[in-house]
Amino acid sequence: MSAGTETAPKPQRNARRIGGGILRTKTGLVGVVLFILTSVVALLGRYVAPYGPYDSLGIPGAAPGNGHLVGLDFIGRDVFSRLLYGGRSTFILAGLATVVTYLIGASIGLVAGYSRSKIDPILMRGIDILISLPALLVILLLVTAFGGTSLVLVIATSLVLLPGVARIVRSATLEVSTRGYVEAAVARGEPTRTLLLREIFPNITGVITADLGLRFSWSIILIASVNFLGIGIQPPTADWGLMISENRVVIASDPLAVVGPSIVLAVLVVAVNLIGDAYVRQLDRSSASS
């Protein structure tokens, strides 16, 4: 088939086929189930919590019992209730950081990969500078300078994650931009914006989606780490990362106060990675069969 007659693939149809394939694999099915469960706990758990997140109910560090399934925390609050309340902040902030990362990173990668001019090296040298800086150090500096507000956490996390997204999108754009359907669109006189949004971007969504789980996982880990260090979300807010830090002082009397939020965070990260791994395998199979 000649370059001028090559037609673009159907990304929507491929996405549906790959999505169905994920659910037919054990890895993908387990990941989806775990992700749904942790998402429900994070977003809706507060509505079934037996106690309020700030209610002091007994002896600090008390072991499970007397209606407290996971015991009491370091100042006597119900750990189970705070677990049900505490995932919302981590989940939402990590999700927002991931969205911002892709909005900025994908835009940079598309422009750099398609331009093939002086814009490309200028953009990518800036990306190289960002990627050379330790991620946690950058976040700590920004949070220390501007405060541990939700907005600062989202911006800081996005800043350290977007270099990877920009480089991946740039590589995919370089490969797709030489396809026949893109060259045909150029020959028709399509404007650059149309080329990027209608011809190139829809056909690199598979690469972006495959990378999505990794970025979301890193967002969760980074935000939880900052909260654990005590310079992100501040007490008395219920947050899984903050709960791990706060309850270290009662780990001897109620280890579940620390183990509980640690397990939930770990399950969420593992679930996202399982889904991402299953998606990549299905994408490879789809590419091999096409």
Protein backbone atom coordinates (compact mmCIF):
# COMPACT_ATOMS: atom_id res chain seq x y z
CA MET A 1 0.00 0.00 0.00
CA SER A 2 1.39 3.40 -0.93
CA ALA A 3 2.02 6.18 1.52
CA GLY A 4 -0.74 8.25 -0.01
CA THR A 5 -3.40 5.54 0.35
CA GLU A 6 -2.51 4.20 3.77
CA THR A 7 -5.39 4.63 6.20
CA ALA A 8 -5.16 5.31 9.89
CA PRO A 9 -5.97 2.43 12.29
CA LYS A 10 -9.12 2.47 14.38
CA PRO A 11 -7.91 3.24 17.95
CA GLN A 12 -11.38 3.07 19.52
CA ARG A 13 -12.02 -0.45 18.18
CA ASN A 14 -8.56 -1.58 19.31
CA ALA A 15 -9.13 -0.11 22.78
CA ARG A 16 -12.38 -2.06 23.21
CA ARG A 17 -10.75 -5.29 22.08
CA ILE A 18 -7.76 -4.81 24.39
CA GLY A 19 -10.00 -3.82 27.31
CA GLY A 20 -12.00 -7.01 26.91
CA GLY A 21 -8.77 -8.99 26.70
CA ILE A 22 -7.59 -7.60 30.03
CA LEU A 23 -10.63 -9.01 31.82
CA ARG A 24 -10.02 -12.43 30.27
CA THR A 25 -6.57 -12.71 31.86
CA LYS A 26 -6.02 -13.65 35.51
CA THR A 27 -3.59 -10.80 36.04
CA GLY A 28 -5.91 -8.22 34.55
CA LEU A 29 -9.02 -9.53 36.31
CA VAL A 30 -7.30 -9.56 39.71
CA GLY A 31 -5.97 -6.05 39.11
CA VAL A 32 -9.40 -4.71 38.10
CA VAL A 33 -11.12 -6.31 41.10
CA LEU A 34 -8.51 -4.99 43.55
CA PHE A 35 -8.61 -1.55 41.97
CA ILE A 36 -12.41 -1.37 42.20
CA LEU A 37 -12.34 -2.48 45.85
CA THR A 38 -9.69 0.05 46.89
CA SER A 39 -11.39 2.78 44.87
CA VAL A 40 -14.71 2.11 46.60
CA VAL A 41 -13.00 2.19 49.99
CA ALA A 42 -11.14 5.41 49.14
CA LEU A 43 -14.06 7.32 47.62
CA LEU A 44 -17.13 5.92 49.39
CA GLY A 45 -15.79 4.42 52.62
CA ARG A 46 -16.54 7.53 54.66
CA TYR A 47 -20.27 6.95 54.19
CA VAL A 48 -20.17 3.62 56.06
CA ALA A 49 -17.52 4.47 58.68
CA PRO A 50 -18.77 3.52 62.16
CA TYR A 51 -17.18 6.61 63.79
CA GLY A 52 -16.06 10.07 62.78
CA PRO A 53 -12.41 10.51 61.74
CA TYR A 54 -11.69 12.89 64.64
CA ASP A 55 -13.62 11.20 67.46
CA SER A 56 -11.45 10.26 70.46
CA LEU A 57 -12.96 7.01 71.73
CA GLY A 58 -10.61 5.41 74.21
CA ILE A 59 -7.09 4.63 75.29
CA PRO A 60 -4.48 5.60 72.65
CA GLY A 61 -2.99 2.59 70.91
CA ALA A 62 -5.63 0.16 72.22
CA ALA A 63 -5.64 -3.22 70.49
CA PRO A 64 -8.58 -4.36 68.34
CA GLY A 65 -11.71 -5.09 70.31
CA ASN A 66 -14.75 -3.45 71.91
CA GLY A 67 -16.16 -2.51 68.51
CA HIS A 68 -12.86 -1.28 67.07
CA LEU A 69 -11.85 -3.72 64.31
CA VAL A 70 -8.35 -2.31 63.85
CA GLY A 71 -7.89 -0.77 67.28
CA LEU A 72 -7.31 2.86 68.22
CA ASP A 73 -4.63 5.21 66.96
CA PHE A 74 -2.05 7.23 68.86
CA ILE A 75 -4.66 9.61 70.32
CA GLY A 76 -7.53 7.14 70.67
CA ARG A 77 -9.36 7.50 67.34
CA ASP A 78 -10.86 4.50 65.55
CA VAL A 79 -8.28 3.30 63.00
CA PHE A 80 -10.82 1.47 60.83
CA SER A 81 -12.94 4.61 60.45
CA ARG A 82 -9.90 6.68 59.57
CA LEU A 83 -8.90 4.04 57.01
CA LEU A 84 -12.29 4.46 55.36
CA TYR A 85 -11.85 8.24 55.36
CA GLY A 86 -8.14 8.37 54.58
CA GLY A 87 -7.91 7.14 51.00
CA ARG A 88 -9.89 9.96 49.42
CA SER A 89 -7.07 12.50 49.59
CA THR A 90 -4.39 10.16 48.24
CA PHE A 91 -6.63 8.81 45.49
CA ILE A 92 -7.91 12.19 44.27
CA LEU A 93 -4.57 14.00 44.50
CA ALA A 94 -2.76 11.17 42.68
CA GLY A 95 -5.45 11.15 39.99
CA LEU A 96 -5.27 14.93 39.51
CA ALA A 97 -1.47 14.83 39.40
CA THR A 98 -1.60 12.12 36.73
CA VAL A 99 -4.07 14.10 34.61
CA VAL A 100 -1.97 17.28 34.84
CA THR A 101 1.16 15.27 34.03
CA TYR A 102 -0.34 13.94 30.81
CA LEU A 103 -1.89 17.24 29.77
CA ILE A 104 1.46 19.00 29.96
CA GLY A 105 3.81 16.12 29.18
CA ALA A 106 1.85 14.85 26.20
CA SER A 107 1.59 18.37 24.77
CA ILE A 108 5.34 18.84 25.03
CA GLY A 109 6.02 15.42 23.52
CA LEU A 110 3.64 15.97 20.60
CA VAL A 111 5.10 19.37 19.71
CA ALA A 112 8.70 18.23 20.13
CA GLY A 113 8.20 15.00 18.19
CA TYR A 114 6.38 16.59 15.26
CA SER A 115 8.25 19.89 14.93
CA ARG A 116 11.71 18.46 14.08
CA SER A 117 13.08 21.99 14.32
CA LYS A 118 14.82 24.13 16.94
CA ILE A 119 11.77 23.71 19.18
CA ASP A 120 12.52 20.01 19.69
CA PRO A 121 16.02 20.35 21.25
CA ILE A 122 14.95 23.36 23.33
CA LEU A 123 11.99 21.50 24.84
CA MET A 124 13.88 18.27 25.37
CA ARG A 125 16.88 19.92 27.02
CA GLY A 126 14.49 21.38 29.57
CA ILE A 127 13.00 17.92 30.05
CA ASP A 128 16.50 16.45 30.50
CA ILE A 129 17.19 18.95 33.28
CA LEU A 130 14.00 18.00 35.08
CA ILE A 131 14.59 14.27 34.72
CA SER A 132 18.10 14.59 36.19
CA LEU A 133 16.74 15.95 39.48
CA PRO A 134 15.75 13.49 42.27
CA ALA A 135 11.96 13.32 42.25
CA LEU A 136 11.39 13.34 46.00
CA LEU A 137 13.90 16.16 46.48
CA VAL A 138 12.04 18.37 43.99
CA ILE A 139 8.72 17.73 45.73
CA LEU A 140 10.21 18.36 49.17
CA LEU A 141 11.71 21.67 48.03
CA LEU A 142 8.45 22.89 46.50
CA VAL A 143 6.33 21.75 49.44
CA THR A 144 8.74 23.34 51.92
CA ALA A 145 8.81 26.60 49.96
CA PHE A 146 5.10 26.93 49.16
CA GLY A 147 3.40 24.78 51.79
CA GLY A 148 1.89 21.31 51.72
CA THR A 149 -1.44 22.33 50.21
CA SER A 150 -3.28 20.05 47.82
CA LEU A 151 -2.51 22.34 44.89
CA VAL A 152 1.23 22.37 45.63
CA LEU A 153 1.29 18.57 46.01
CA VAL A 154 -0.43 18.10 42.65
CA ILE A 155 1.85 20.58 40.84
CA ALA A 156 5.02 19.22 42.43
CA THR A 157 4.14 15.61 41.66
CA SER A 158 3.22 16.49 38.08
CA LEU A 159 6.48 18.37 37.61
CA VAL A 160 8.63 15.36 38.44
CA LEU A 161 6.54 12.89 36.43
CA LEU A 162 6.01 14.84 33.20
CA PRO A 163 9.58 14.36 31.78
CA GLY A 164 8.98 10.64 31.39
CA VAL A 165 5.63 11.22 29.71
CA ALA A 166 7.09 13.86 27.37
CA ARG A 167 9.89 11.55 26.23
CA ILE A 168 7.55 8.59 25.63
CA VAL A 169 5.04 10.71 23.69
CA ARG A 170 7.83 12.31 21.66
CA SER A 171 9.20 8.90 20.63
CA ALA A 172 5.73 7.67 19.67
CA THR A 173 5.05 10.88 17.74
CA LEU A 174 8.31 10.57 15.79
CA GLU A 175 7.31 7.06 14.73
CA VAL A 176 3.68 7.84 13.82
CA SER A 177 4.42 11.12 12.03
CA THR A 178 6.15 9.24 9.21
CA ARG A 179 3.09 7.10 8.46
CA GLY A 180 1.35 7.46 5.14
CA TYR A 181 -1.92 8.78 6.52
CA VAL A 182 -0.06 11.63 8.25
CA GLU A 183 1.86 12.46 5.09
CA ALA A 184 -1.41 12.42 3.16
CA ALA A 185 -2.92 14.87 5.66
CA VAL A 186 0.11 17.13 5.25
CA ALA A 187 -0.31 16.97 1.47
CA ARG A 188 -3.96 18.01 1.85
CA GLY A 189 -2.79 21.11 3.68
CA GLU A 190 -4.19 20.19 7.10
CA PRO A 191 -3.08 22.65 9.82
CA THR A 192 -0.58 21.45 12.43
CA ARG A 193 -3.17 21.46 15.21
CA THR A 194 -5.44 19.15 13.22
CA LEU A 195 -2.54 16.86 12.38
CA LEU A 196 -1.56 16.54 16.02
CA LEU A 197 -5.06 16.07 17.44
CA ARG A 198 -6.75 14.02 14.70
CA GLU A 199 -4.01 12.09 12.95
CA ILE A 200 -1.22 11.56 15.47
CA PHE A 201 -2.64 11.68 18.98
CA PRO A 202 -5.43 9.08 18.47
CA ASN A 203 -2.84 6.65 17.17
CA ILE A 204 -0.46 6.95 20.12
CA THR A 205 -3.13 6.51 22.79
CA GLY A 206 -2.12 2.87 23.18
CA VAL A 207 1.39 3.91 24.21
CA ILE A 208 0.00 6.56 26.56
CA THR A 209 -2.47 4.15 28.17
CA ALA A 210 0.25 1.56 28.67
CA ASP A 211 2.28 4.15 30.58
CA LEU A 212 -0.70 5.47 32.56
CA GLY A 213 -0.59 2.85 35.31
CA LEU A 214 3.08 3.51 36.02
CA ARG A 215 2.56 7.27 36.38
CA PHE A 216 -0.50 6.83 38.57
CA SER A 217 1.40 4.39 40.81
CA TRP A 218 4.29 6.84 41.15
CA SER A 219 1.83 9.62 41.98
CA ILE A 220 0.38 7.53 44.81
CA ILE A 221 3.82 6.63 46.15
CA LEU A 222 5.19 10.17 45.98
CA ILE A 223 2.15 11.81 47.59
CA ALA A 224 1.98 9.14 50.30
CA SER A 225 5.73 9.58 50.95
CA VAL A 226 5.42 13.33 51.39
CA ASN A 227 2.45 12.88 53.72
CA PHE A 228 4.38 10.23 55.65
CA LEU A 229 7.23 12.69 56.16
CA GLY A 230 4.72 15.13 57.66
CA ILE A 231 5.20 18.00 55.22
CA GLY A 232 2.23 17.31 52.97
CA ILE A 233 -1.32 16.97 54.25
CA GLN A 234 -1.36 17.97 57.90
CA PRO A 235 -3.06 16.44 60.96
CA PRO A 236 -5.79 15.86 61.96
CA THR A 237 -6.74 15.01 58.34
CA ALA A 238 -7.24 11.29 57.77
CA ASP A 239 -4.74 10.17 55.12
CA TRP A 240 -3.20 6.74 54.59
CA GLY A 241 0.38 8.00 54.30
CA LEU A 242 0.00 10.29 57.28
CA MET A 243 -1.61 7.50 59.35
CA ILE A 244 1.46 5.31 58.88
CA SER A 245 3.70 8.07 60.22
CA GLU A 246 1.44 9.07 63.11
CA ASN A 247 0.86 5.58 64.45
CA ARG A 248 4.47 4.43 64.57
CA VAL A 249 4.48 5.37 68.25
CA VAL A 250 1.80 2.73 69.02
CA ILE A 251 3.05 -0.02 66.72
CA ALA A 252 3.92 -2.22 69.70
CA SER A 253 0.41 -2.15 71.19
CA ASP A 254 -1.57 -1.93 67.93
CA PRO A 255 0.53 -2.88 64.90
CA LEU A 256 -2.58 -2.84 62.70
CA ALA A 257 -2.71 0.94 63.07
CA VAL A 258 0.40 1.02 60.85
CA VAL A 259 -0.06 -2.20 58.88
CA GLY A 260 -3.64 -1.36 57.87
CA PRO A 261 -2.96 1.80 55.82
CA SER A 262 0.28 0.28 54.51
CA ILE A 263 -1.59 -2.72 53.12
CA VAL A 264 -4.30 -0.60 51.49
CA LEU A 265 -1.71 1.61 49.80
CA ALA A 266 0.23 -1.44 48.63
CA VAL A 267 -2.90 -3.13 47.27
CA LEU A 268 -3.83 0.01 45.30
CA VAL A 269 -0.37 0.29 43.74
CA VAL A 270 -0.23 -3.44 42.95
CA ALA A 271 -3.71 -3.32 41.39
CA VAL A 272 -2.75 -0.47 39.07
CA ASN A 273 0.45 -2.25 38.04
CA LEU A 274 -1.39 -5.52 37.36
CA ILE A 275 -3.85 -3.72 35.09
CA GLY A 276 -1.01 -1.92 33.34
CA ASP A 277 0.92 -5.16 32.82
CA ALA A 278 -2.15 -6.91 31.42
CA TYR A 279 -2.83 -3.97 29.10
CA VAL A 280 0.72 -3.99 27.73
CA ARG A 281 0.53 -7.73 27.02
CA GLN A 282 -2.79 -7.33 25.23
CA LEU A 283 -1.40 -4.38 23.27
CA ASP A 284 1.59 -6.48 22.16
CA ARG A 285 -0.71 -9.30 21.07
CA SER A 286 -2.94 -6.88 19.19
CA SER A 287 0.08 -5.36 17.42
CA ALA A 288 1.45 -8.81 16.54
CA SER A 289 -1.85 -9.96 15.04
CA SER A 290 -2.45 -6.80 12.99
